All heavy atoms as atom14 arrays in JSON, in Angstrom:
{
  "sequence": "FDVSGCNFLAINFRMTDIEESDIDNDDQKKEPGIFYIEVKDGRVDIQ",
  "atom14_mask": [
    [1, 1, 1, 1, 1, 1, 1, 1, 1, 1, 1, 0, 0, 0],
    [1, 1, 1, 1, 1, 1, 1, 1, 0, 0, 0, 0, 0, 0],
    [1, 1, 1, 1, 1, 1, 1, 0, 0, 0, 0, 0, 0, 0],
    [1, 1, 1, 1, 1, 1, 0, 0, 0, 0, 0, 0, 0, 0],
    [1, 1, 1, 1, 0, 0, 0, 0, 0, 0, 0, 0, 0, 0],
    [1, 1, 1, 1, 1, 1, 0, 0, 0, 0, 0, 0, 0, 0],
    [1, 1, 1, 1, 1, 1, 1, 1, 0, 0, 0, 0, 0, 0],
    [1, 1, 1, 1, 1, 1, 1, 1, 1, 1, 1, 0, 0, 0],
    [1, 1, 1, 1, 1, 1, 1, 1, 0, 0, 0, 0, 0, 0],
    [1, 1, 1, 1, 1, 0, 0, 0, 0, 0, 0, 0, 0, 0],
    [1, 1, 1, 1, 1, 1, 1, 1, 0, 0, 0, 0, 0, 0],
    [1, 1, 1, 1, 1, 1, 1, 1, 0, 0, 0, 0, 0, 0],
    [1, 1, 1, 1, 1, 1, 1, 1, 1, 1, 1, 0, 0, 0],
    [1, 1, 1, 1, 1, 1, 1, 1, 1, 1, 1, 0, 0, 0],
    [1, 1, 1, 1, 1, 1, 1, 1, 0, 0, 0, 0, 0, 0],
    [1, 1, 1, 1, 1, 1, 1, 0, 0, 0, 0, 0, 0, 0],
    [1, 1, 1, 1, 1, 1, 1, 1, 0, 0, 0, 0, 0, 0],
    [1, 1, 1, 1, 1, 1, 1, 1, 0, 0, 0, 0, 0, 0],
    [1, 1, 1, 1, 1, 1, 1, 1, 1, 0, 0, 0, 0, 0],
    [1, 1, 1, 1, 1, 1, 1, 1, 1, 0, 0, 0, 0, 0],
    [1, 1, 1, 1, 1, 1, 0, 0, 0, 0, 0, 0, 0, 0],
    [1, 1, 1, 1, 1, 1, 1, 1, 0, 0, 0, 0, 0, 0],
    [1, 1, 1, 1, 1, 1, 1, 1, 0, 0, 0, 0, 0, 0],
    [1, 1, 1, 1, 1, 1, 1, 1, 0, 0, 0, 0, 0, 0],
    [1, 1, 1, 1, 1, 1, 1, 1, 0, 0, 0, 0, 0, 0],
    [1, 1, 1, 1, 1, 1, 1, 1, 0, 0, 0, 0, 0, 0],
    [1, 1, 1, 1, 1, 1, 1, 1, 0, 0, 0, 0, 0, 0],
    [1, 1, 1, 1, 1, 1, 1, 1, 1, 0, 0, 0, 0, 0],
    [1, 1, 1, 1, 1, 1, 1, 1, 1, 0, 0, 0, 0, 0],
    [1, 1, 1, 1, 1, 1, 1, 1, 1, 0, 0, 0, 0, 0],
    [1, 1, 1, 1, 1, 1, 1, 1, 1, 0, 0, 0, 0, 0],
    [1, 1, 1, 1, 1, 1, 1, 0, 0, 0, 0, 0, 0, 0],
    [1, 1, 1, 1, 0, 0, 0, 0, 0, 0, 0, 0, 0, 0],
    [1, 1, 1, 1, 1, 1, 1, 1, 0, 0, 0, 0, 0, 0],
    [1, 1, 1, 1, 1, 1, 1, 1, 1, 1, 1, 0, 0, 0],
    [1, 1, 1, 1, 1, 1, 1, 1, 1, 1, 1, 1, 0, 0],
    [1, 1, 1, 1, 1, 1, 1, 1, 0, 0, 0, 0, 0, 0],
    [1, 1, 1, 1, 1, 1, 1, 1, 1, 0, 0, 0, 0, 0],
    [1, 1, 1, 1, 1, 1, 1, 0, 0, 0, 0, 0, 0, 0],
    [1, 1, 1, 1, 1, 1, 1, 1, 1, 0, 0, 0, 0, 0],
    [1, 1, 1, 1, 1, 1, 1, 1, 0, 0, 0, 0, 0, 0],
    [1, 1, 1, 1, 0, 0, 0, 0, 0, 0, 0, 0, 0, 0],
    [1, 1, 1, 1, 1, 1, 1, 1, 1, 1, 1, 0, 0, 0],
    [1, 1, 1, 1, 1, 1, 1, 0, 0, 0, 0, 0, 0, 0],
    [1, 1, 1, 1, 1, 1, 1, 1, 0, 0, 0, 0, 0, 0],
    [1, 1, 1, 1, 1, 1, 1, 1, 0, 0, 0, 0, 0, 0],
    [1, 1, 1, 1, 1, 1, 1, 1, 1, 0, 0, 0, 0, 0]
  ],
  "atom14_positions": [
    [[-7.74, 4.02, -12.65], [-8.4, 4.83, -11.6], [-8.52, 6.29, -12.05], [-7.5, 6.88, -12.67], [-7.61, 4.91, -10.28], [-7.62, 3.68, -9.49], [-6.97, 3.54, -8.39], [-8.44, 2.56, -9.94], [-6.91, 2.39, -7.59], [-8.48, 1.42, -9.09], [-7.79, 1.31, -7.99], [0.0, 0.0, 0.0], [0.0, 0.0, 0.0], [0.0, 0.0, 0.0]],
    [[-9.68, 6.89, -11.9], [-9.82, 8.31, -12.23], [-9.56, 9.07, -10.93], [-10.45, 9.12, -10.08], [-11.24, 8.56, -12.81], [-11.5, 10.08, -12.97], [-10.56, 10.83, -13.04], [-12.65, 10.44, -13.14], [0.0, 0.0, 0.0], [0.0, 0.0, 0.0], [0.0, 0.0, 0.0], [0.0, 0.0, 0.0], [0.0, 0.0, 0.0], [0.0, 0.0, 0.0]],
    [[-8.45, 9.62, -10.8], [-7.98, 10.34, -9.56], [-7.97, 11.81, -9.71], [-7.5, 12.51, -8.83], [-6.58, 9.77, -9.09], [-6.67, 8.36, -8.69], [-5.56, 10.12, -10.07], [0.0, 0.0, 0.0], [0.0, 0.0, 0.0], [0.0, 0.0, 0.0], [0.0, 0.0, 0.0], [0.0, 0.0, 0.0], [0.0, 0.0, 0.0], [0.0, 0.0, 0.0]],
    [[-8.7, 12.33, -10.72], [-8.76, 13.74, -11.04], [-9.35, 14.57, -9.89], [-8.92, 15.71, -9.6], [-9.48, 14.07, -12.35], [-10.72, 13.53, -12.25], [0.0, 0.0, 0.0], [0.0, 0.0, 0.0], [0.0, 0.0, 0.0], [0.0, 0.0, 0.0], [0.0, 0.0, 0.0], [0.0, 0.0, 0.0], [0.0, 0.0, 0.0], [0.0, 0.0, 0.0]],
    [[-10.32, 14.03, -9.15], [-10.98, 14.74, -8.13], [-10.34, 14.56, -6.65], [-10.9, 14.95, -5.73], [0.0, 0.0, 0.0], [0.0, 0.0, 0.0], [0.0, 0.0, 0.0], [0.0, 0.0, 0.0], [0.0, 0.0, 0.0], [0.0, 0.0, 0.0], [0.0, 0.0, 0.0], [0.0, 0.0, 0.0], [0.0, 0.0, 0.0], [0.0, 0.0, 0.0]],
    [[-9.27, 13.75, -6.65], [-8.69, 13.41, -5.37], [-7.34, 14.04, -5.18], [-6.45, 13.9, -5.92], [-8.51, 11.86, -5.34], [-7.73, 11.21, -3.8], [0.0, 0.0, 0.0], [0.0, 0.0, 0.0], [0.0, 0.0, 0.0], [0.0, 0.0, 0.0], [0.0, 0.0, 0.0], [0.0, 0.0, 0.0], [0.0, 0.0, 0.0], [0.0, 0.0, 0.0]],
    [[-7.29, 14.92, -4.14], [-6.04, 15.65, -3.89], [-5.05, 14.86, -3.23], [-3.82, 14.78, -3.67], [-6.3, 16.91, -2.98], [-7.16, 17.89, -3.71], [-7.01, 18.09, -4.96], [-8.05, 18.57, -3.07], [0.0, 0.0, 0.0], [0.0, 0.0, 0.0], [0.0, 0.0, 0.0], [0.0, 0.0, 0.0], [0.0, 0.0, 0.0], [0.0, 0.0, 0.0]],
    [[-5.44, 14.13, -2.24], [-4.41, 13.28, -1.51], [-5.25, 12.14, -0.76], [-6.22, 12.39, -0.14], [-3.66, 14.05, -0.4], [-2.65, 13.24, 0.39], [-1.51, 12.87, -0.2], [-2.95, 12.9, 1.63], [-0.54, 12.07, 0.57], [-2.13, 12.05, 2.41], [-0.92, 11.7, 1.84], [0.0, 0.0, 0.0], [0.0, 0.0, 0.0], [0.0, 0.0, 0.0]],
    [[-4.71, 10.97, -0.85], [-5.23, 9.74, -0.19], [-4.12, 8.78, 0.05], [-3.33, 8.47, -0.88], [-6.29, 9.13, -1.11], [-7.11, 7.95, -0.58], [-7.91, 8.36, 0.64], [-7.94, 7.46, -1.65], [0.0, 0.0, 0.0], [0.0, 0.0, 0.0], [0.0, 0.0, 0.0], [0.0, 0.0, 0.0], [0.0, 0.0, 0.0], [0.0, 0.0, 0.0]],
    [[-3.97, 8.39, 1.3], [-2.93, 7.45, 1.71], [-3.48, 6.4, 2.59], [-3.96, 6.7, 3.76], [-1.73, 8.1, 2.34], [0.0, 0.0, 0.0], [0.0, 0.0, 0.0], [0.0, 0.0, 0.0], [0.0, 0.0, 0.0], [0.0, 0.0, 0.0], [0.0, 0.0, 0.0], [0.0, 0.0, 0.0], [0.0, 0.0, 0.0], [0.0, 0.0, 0.0]],
    [[-3.5, 5.2, 2.08], [-4.25, 4.1, 2.84], [-3.27, 2.93, 2.95], [-2.66, 2.38, 1.92], [-5.58, 3.65, 2.21], [-6.5, 4.82, 2.11], [-6.17, 2.46, 2.96], [-7.82, 4.55, 1.42], [0.0, 0.0, 0.0], [0.0, 0.0, 0.0], [0.0, 0.0, 0.0], [0.0, 0.0, 0.0], [0.0, 0.0, 0.0], [0.0, 0.0, 0.0]],
    [[-3.09, 2.43, 4.19], [-2.5, 1.17, 4.44], [-3.44, 0.06, 4.27], [-4.56, 0.14, 4.68], [-1.79, 1.08, 5.8], [-0.58, 1.84, 5.97], [0.28, 1.9, 5.07], [-0.35, 2.46, 7.12], [0.0, 0.0, 0.0], [0.0, 0.0, 0.0], [0.0, 0.0, 0.0], [0.0, 0.0, 0.0], [0.0, 0.0, 0.0], [0.0, 0.0, 0.0]],
    [[-3.03, -1.03, 3.66], [-3.82, -2.24, 3.58], [-3.05, -3.36, 4.26], [-1.82, -3.46, 4.16], [-4.09, -2.64, 2.11], [-5.02, -1.68, 1.47], [-4.58, -0.51, 0.9], [-6.4, -1.92, 1.49], [-5.41, 0.35, 0.23], [-7.21, -0.9, 0.87], [-6.72, 0.14, 0.29], [0.0, 0.0, 0.0], [0.0, 0.0, 0.0], [0.0, 0.0, 0.0]],
    [[-3.83, -4.14, 5.05], [-3.18, -5.36, 5.66], [-4.0, -6.61, 5.39], [-5.16, -6.61, 5.61], [-3.16, -5.09, 7.2], [-2.68, -6.24, 7.99], [-1.21, -6.46, 7.97], [-0.76, -7.45, 9.02], [-0.81, -8.78, 8.8], [-1.25, -9.31, 7.69], [-0.38, -9.58, 9.85], [0.0, 0.0, 0.0], [0.0, 0.0, 0.0], [0.0, 0.0, 0.0]],
    [[-3.35, -7.44, 4.58], [-3.96, -8.79, 4.23], [-3.73, -9.65, 5.44], [-2.64, -10.12, 5.64], [-3.39, -9.33, 2.94], [-3.57, -8.45, 1.74], [-5.2, -8.13, 1.19], [-5.45, -6.51, 1.86], [0.0, 0.0, 0.0], [0.0, 0.0, 0.0], [0.0, 0.0, 0.0], [0.0, 0.0, 0.0], [0.0, 0.0, 0.0], [0.0, 0.0, 0.0]],
    [[-4.79, -9.93, 6.22], [-4.67, -10.62, 7.5], [-4.4, -12.09, 7.32], [-3.97, -12.7, 8.33], [-5.95, -10.45, 8.3], [-7.15, -10.95, 7.51], [-6.22, -9.0, 8.64], [0.0, 0.0, 0.0], [0.0, 0.0, 0.0], [0.0, 0.0, 0.0], [0.0, 0.0, 0.0], [0.0, 0.0, 0.0], [0.0, 0.0, 0.0], [0.0, 0.0, 0.0]],
    [[-4.54, -12.61, 6.19], [-4.27, -14.09, 5.93], [-2.91, -14.33, 5.36], [-2.55, -15.52, 5.14], [-5.28, -14.73, 5.17], [-5.57, -14.01, 3.84], [-5.06, -12.88, 3.61], [-6.28, -14.6, 2.96], [0.0, 0.0, 0.0], [0.0, 0.0, 0.0], [0.0, 0.0, 0.0], [0.0, 0.0, 0.0], [0.0, 0.0, 0.0], [0.0, 0.0, 0.0]],
    [[-2.09, -13.37, 5.22], [-0.65, -13.5, 4.73], [0.21, -13.59, 6.04], [0.29, -12.65, 6.76], [-0.21, -12.4, 3.87], [-1.01, -12.41, 2.59], [1.33, -12.46, 3.62], [-0.62, -11.34, 1.59], [0.0, 0.0, 0.0], [0.0, 0.0, 0.0], [0.0, 0.0, 0.0], [0.0, 0.0, 0.0], [0.0, 0.0, 0.0], [0.0, 0.0, 0.0]],
    [[0.75, -14.69, 6.21], [1.61, -15.02, 7.4], [3.15, -14.84, 7.07], [3.89, -14.46, 7.99], [1.35, -16.36, 7.97], [-0.05, -16.49, 8.63], [-0.24, -17.91, 9.07], [0.66, -18.64, 9.34], [-1.5, -18.15, 9.24], [0.0, 0.0, 0.0], [0.0, 0.0, 0.0], [0.0, 0.0, 0.0], [0.0, 0.0, 0.0], [0.0, 0.0, 0.0]],
    [[3.44, -14.95, 5.86], [4.87, -14.81, 5.38], [4.77, -14.22, 3.92], [4.25, -14.88, 3.06], [5.61, -16.15, 5.33], [7.03, -15.96, 5.13], [7.83, -17.38, 5.31], [7.43, -18.05, 6.22], [8.71, -17.53, 4.51], [0.0, 0.0, 0.0], [0.0, 0.0, 0.0], [0.0, 0.0, 0.0], [0.0, 0.0, 0.0], [0.0, 0.0, 0.0]],
    [[5.45, -13.13, 3.79], [5.46, -12.38, 2.52], [6.53, -12.85, 1.6], [7.6, -13.35, 2.1], [5.59, -10.87, 2.72], [5.69, -10.22, 1.48], [0.0, 0.0, 0.0], [0.0, 0.0, 0.0], [0.0, 0.0, 0.0], [0.0, 0.0, 0.0], [0.0, 0.0, 0.0], [0.0, 0.0, 0.0], [0.0, 0.0, 0.0], [0.0, 0.0, 0.0]],
    [[6.27, -12.81, 0.23], [7.38, -13.15, -0.65], [8.23, -12.01, -1.02], [9.03, -11.92, -1.85], [6.68, -13.8, -1.92], [5.97, -12.8, -2.7], [5.23, -12.02, -2.07], [5.94, -12.87, -3.94], [0.0, 0.0, 0.0], [0.0, 0.0, 0.0], [0.0, 0.0, 0.0], [0.0, 0.0, 0.0], [0.0, 0.0, 0.0], [0.0, 0.0, 0.0]],
    [[7.99, -10.84, -0.36], [8.77, -9.66, -0.49], [9.64, -9.45, 0.73], [9.17, -9.55, 1.81], [7.82, -8.44, -0.72], [6.96, -8.66, -2.0], [8.62, -7.1, -0.76], [5.89, -7.54, -2.13], [0.0, 0.0, 0.0], [0.0, 0.0, 0.0], [0.0, 0.0, 0.0], [0.0, 0.0, 0.0], [0.0, 0.0, 0.0], [0.0, 0.0, 0.0]],
    [[10.93, -9.17, 0.45], [11.91, -9.1, 1.51], [12.13, -7.66, 1.84], [13.04, -6.99, 1.24], [13.17, -9.84, 1.13], [14.17, -9.93, 2.21], [13.76, -9.81, 3.46], [15.32, -10.1, 2.0], [0.0, 0.0, 0.0], [0.0, 0.0, 0.0], [0.0, 0.0, 0.0], [0.0, 0.0, 0.0], [0.0, 0.0, 0.0], [0.0, 0.0, 0.0]],
    [[11.52, -7.18, 2.84], [11.88, -5.81, 3.45], [11.5, -5.83, 4.93], [10.73, -6.71, 5.39], [11.2, -4.64, 2.59], [9.73, -4.54, 2.75], [9.11, -4.77, 3.83], [9.09, -4.26, 1.68], [0.0, 0.0, 0.0], [0.0, 0.0, 0.0], [0.0, 0.0, 0.0], [0.0, 0.0, 0.0], [0.0, 0.0, 0.0], [0.0, 0.0, 0.0]],
    [[11.92, -4.83, 5.66], [11.69, -4.77, 7.14], [10.23, -4.69, 7.45], [9.73, -5.38, 8.43], [12.4, -3.61, 7.79], [13.9, -3.84, 7.84], [14.35, -4.95, 7.73], [14.68, -2.9, 8.02], [0.0, 0.0, 0.0], [0.0, 0.0, 0.0], [0.0, 0.0, 0.0], [0.0, 0.0, 0.0], [0.0, 0.0, 0.0], [0.0, 0.0, 0.0]],
    [[9.43, -3.96, 6.67], [8.01, -3.86, 6.97], [7.34, -5.24, 6.84], [6.45, -5.59, 7.6], [7.33, -2.87, 6.08], [7.63, -1.39, 6.55], [8.24, -1.17, 7.68], [7.36, -0.47, 5.84], [0.0, 0.0, 0.0], [0.0, 0.0, 0.0], [0.0, 0.0, 0.0], [0.0, 0.0, 0.0], [0.0, 0.0, 0.0], [0.0, 0.0, 0.0]],
    [[7.73, -5.97, 5.78], [7.04, -7.33, 5.55], [7.54, -8.31, 6.61], [6.7, -9.22, 6.95], [7.41, -7.79, 4.17], [6.75, -7.0, 2.99], [5.29, -6.91, 3.05], [4.55, -8.07, 3.38], [4.65, -5.82, 2.88], [0.0, 0.0, 0.0], [0.0, 0.0, 0.0], [0.0, 0.0, 0.0], [0.0, 0.0, 0.0], [0.0, 0.0, 0.0]],
    [[8.7, -8.16, 7.11], [9.22, -9.05, 8.1], [8.4, -8.75, 9.46], [8.08, -9.64, 10.18], [10.74, -8.86, 8.41], [11.51, -9.37, 7.31], [12.95, -9.15, 7.48], [13.78, -9.59, 6.24], [15.13, -9.2, 6.33], [0.0, 0.0, 0.0], [0.0, 0.0, 0.0], [0.0, 0.0, 0.0], [0.0, 0.0, 0.0], [0.0, 0.0, 0.0]],
    [[8.13, -7.48, 9.66], [7.36, -7.11, 10.95], [5.92, -7.33, 10.81], [5.26, -7.74, 11.8], [7.57, -5.61, 11.2], [9.01, -5.3, 11.7], [9.15, -3.84, 11.94], [10.57, -3.4, 11.96], [10.76, -1.87, 12.02], [0.0, 0.0, 0.0], [0.0, 0.0, 0.0], [0.0, 0.0, 0.0], [0.0, 0.0, 0.0], [0.0, 0.0, 0.0]],
    [[5.32, -7.09, 9.61], [3.93, -7.12, 9.47], [3.72, -7.72, 8.03], [3.35, -6.98, 7.03], [3.31, -5.78, 9.61], [1.81, -5.62, 9.73], [1.4, -4.34, 10.17], [2.22, -3.28, 10.16], [0.29, -4.14, 10.47], [0.0, 0.0, 0.0], [0.0, 0.0, 0.0], [0.0, 0.0, 0.0], [0.0, 0.0, 0.0], [0.0, 0.0, 0.0]],
    [[3.71, -9.0, 7.81], [3.54, -9.61, 6.42], [2.15, -9.18, 5.89], [1.13, -9.16, 6.64], [3.55, -11.11, 6.74], [4.27, -11.25, 8.05], [3.94, -9.98, 8.81], [0.0, 0.0, 0.0], [0.0, 0.0, 0.0], [0.0, 0.0, 0.0], [0.0, 0.0, 0.0], [0.0, 0.0, 0.0], [0.0, 0.0, 0.0], [0.0, 0.0, 0.0]],
    [[2.09, -8.82, 4.64], [0.93, -8.48, 3.95], [0.55, -7.06, 4.0], [-0.54, -6.65, 3.57], [0.0, 0.0, 0.0], [0.0, 0.0, 0.0], [0.0, 0.0, 0.0], [0.0, 0.0, 0.0], [0.0, 0.0, 0.0], [0.0, 0.0, 0.0], [0.0, 0.0, 0.0], [0.0, 0.0, 0.0], [0.0, 0.0, 0.0], [0.0, 0.0, 0.0]],
    [[1.43, -6.24, 4.53], [1.13, -4.77, 4.58], [1.53, -4.1, 3.29], [2.57, -4.43, 2.75], [1.8, -4.09, 5.72], [1.34, -2.67, 6.08], [3.29, -4.03, 5.62], [-0.02, -2.56, 6.79], [0.0, 0.0, 0.0], [0.0, 0.0, 0.0], [0.0, 0.0, 0.0], [0.0, 0.0, 0.0], [0.0, 0.0, 0.0], [0.0, 0.0, 0.0]],
    [[0.73, -3.11, 2.79], [1.14, -2.33, 1.68], [0.37, -1.07, 1.69], [-0.59, -0.92, 2.46], [1.01, -3.06, 0.33], [-0.41, -3.42, -0.08], [-1.23, -2.6, -0.89], [-1.0, -4.63, 0.36], [-2.43, -2.93, -1.17], [-2.3, -5.02, 0.1], [-3.08, -4.08, -0.75], [0.0, 0.0, 0.0], [0.0, 0.0, 0.0], [0.0, 0.0, 0.0]],
    [[0.7, -0.03, 0.93], [-0.05, 1.08, 0.82], [-0.37, 1.55, -0.56], [0.33, 1.2, -1.53], [0.62, 2.25, 1.57], [1.85, 2.93, 0.89], [1.69, 3.79, -0.13], [3.14, 2.59, 1.35], [2.77, 4.41, -0.76], [4.31, 3.12, 0.66], [4.14, 4.07, -0.35], [5.25, 4.62, -0.91], [0.0, 0.0, 0.0], [0.0, 0.0, 0.0]],
    [[-1.43, 2.31, -0.68], [-1.91, 2.97, -1.88], [-1.96, 4.44, -1.57], [-2.61, 4.79, -0.68], [-3.18, 2.48, -2.43], [-3.11, 0.97, -2.78], [-3.68, 3.25, -3.6], [-4.42, 0.26, -3.21], [0.0, 0.0, 0.0], [0.0, 0.0, 0.0], [0.0, 0.0, 0.0], [0.0, 0.0, 0.0], [0.0, 0.0, 0.0], [0.0, 0.0, 0.0]],
    [[-1.21, 5.22, -2.34], [-1.23, 6.7, -2.24], [-1.63, 7.36, -3.55], [-1.15, 6.92, -4.56], [0.2, 7.13, -1.86], [0.28, 8.7, -1.78], [1.75, 9.14, -1.77], [2.47, 8.81, -2.72], [2.13, 9.9, -0.93], [0.0, 0.0, 0.0], [0.0, 0.0, 0.0], [0.0, 0.0, 0.0], [0.0, 0.0, 0.0], [0.0, 0.0, 0.0]],
    [[-2.57, 8.33, -3.38], [-2.95, 9.09, -4.51], [-2.5, 10.5, -4.17], [-2.87, 11.08, -3.17], [-4.5, 9.06, -4.69], [-4.9, 9.97, -5.83], [-4.99, 7.67, -4.93], [0.0, 0.0, 0.0], [0.0, 0.0, 0.0], [0.0, 0.0, 0.0], [0.0, 0.0, 0.0], [0.0, 0.0, 0.0], [0.0, 0.0, 0.0], [0.0, 0.0, 0.0]],
    [[-1.66, 10.99, -5.07], [-1.04, 12.35, -4.89], [-0.6, 12.92, -6.25], [0.01, 12.16, -7.08], [0.21, 12.23, -3.97], [0.83, 13.61, -3.55], [1.97, 13.28, -2.59], [2.62, 14.6, -2.23], [3.79, 14.32, -1.43], [0.0, 0.0, 0.0], [0.0, 0.0, 0.0], [0.0, 0.0, 0.0], [0.0, 0.0, 0.0], [0.0, 0.0, 0.0]],
    [[-0.92, 14.2, -6.44], [-0.58, 14.91, -7.67], [-1.06, 14.18, -8.94], [-0.31, 14.13, -9.94], [0.95, 15.15, -7.68], [1.43, 15.96, -6.6], [0.69, 16.83, -6.02], [2.57, 15.71, -6.02], [0.0, 0.0, 0.0], [0.0, 0.0, 0.0], [0.0, 0.0, 0.0], [0.0, 0.0, 0.0], [0.0, 0.0, 0.0], [0.0, 0.0, 0.0]],
    [[-2.24, 13.55, -8.85], [-2.81, 12.92, -10.06], [-2.14, 11.56, -10.41], [-2.4, 10.97, -11.44], [0.0, 0.0, 0.0], [0.0, 0.0, 0.0], [0.0, 0.0, 0.0], [0.0, 0.0, 0.0], [0.0, 0.0, 0.0], [0.0, 0.0, 0.0], [0.0, 0.0, 0.0], [0.0, 0.0, 0.0], [0.0, 0.0, 0.0], [0.0, 0.0, 0.0]],
    [[-1.41, 11.04, -9.4], [-0.7, 9.68, -9.6], [-1.19, 8.74, -8.56], [-1.43, 9.16, -7.41], [0.8, 9.91, -9.61], [1.26, 10.62, -10.81], [2.78, 10.64, -10.86], [3.29, 9.3, -10.52], [4.42, 9.14, -10.06], [5.22, 10.07, -9.78], [4.89, 7.86, -9.75], [0.0, 0.0, 0.0], [0.0, 0.0, 0.0], [0.0, 0.0, 0.0]],
    [[-1.08, 7.49, -8.85], [-1.36, 6.43, -7.84], [-0.01, 5.69, -7.61], [0.62, 5.18, -8.59], [-2.47, 5.35, -8.28], [-2.63, 4.33, -7.26], [-3.7, 6.14, -8.6], [0.0, 0.0, 0.0], [0.0, 0.0, 0.0], [0.0, 0.0, 0.0], [0.0, 0.0, 0.0], [0.0, 0.0, 0.0], [0.0, 0.0, 0.0], [0.0, 0.0, 0.0]],
    [[0.34, 5.47, -6.42], [1.61, 4.8, -6.05], [1.22, 3.6, -5.15], [0.46, 3.82, -4.2], [2.6, 5.76, -5.38], [3.97, 5.03, -5.14], [4.31, 4.1, -5.92], [4.72, 5.45, -4.24], [0.0, 0.0, 0.0], [0.0, 0.0, 0.0], [0.0, 0.0, 0.0], [0.0, 0.0, 0.0], [0.0, 0.0, 0.0], [0.0, 0.0, 0.0]],
    [[1.69, 2.46, -5.43], [1.43, 1.26, -4.66], [2.8, 0.59, -4.28], [3.55, 0.28, -5.09], [0.53, 0.33, -5.42], [-0.76, 0.97, -5.79], [0.25, -1.02, -4.56], [-1.58, 0.13, -6.8], [0.0, 0.0, 0.0], [0.0, 0.0, 0.0], [0.0, 0.0, 0.0], [0.0, 0.0, 0.0], [0.0, 0.0, 0.0], [0.0, 0.0, 0.0]],
    [[3.01, 0.47, -2.97], [4.29, -0.01, -2.43], [4.05, -1.05, -1.34], [3.13, -0.93, -0.53], [5.18, 1.18, -1.97], [5.56, 2.13, -3.01], [6.37, 1.5, -4.12], [7.21, 0.58, -3.88], [6.29, 1.95, -5.35], [0.0, 0.0, 0.0], [0.0, 0.0, 0.0], [0.0, 0.0, 0.0], [0.0, 0.0, 0.0], [0.0, 0.0, 0.0]]
  ]
}
């Protein structure tokens, strides 16, 4: 990704067809398939 022109971007994504996640955390238990992509300080973080 060329993020040089992007100062800040934070987007949640929800995969609506995931009913049970293979990742064990509280957010996945409450809302399976949720994750975010953040662009900040020239870096991309996906969690």
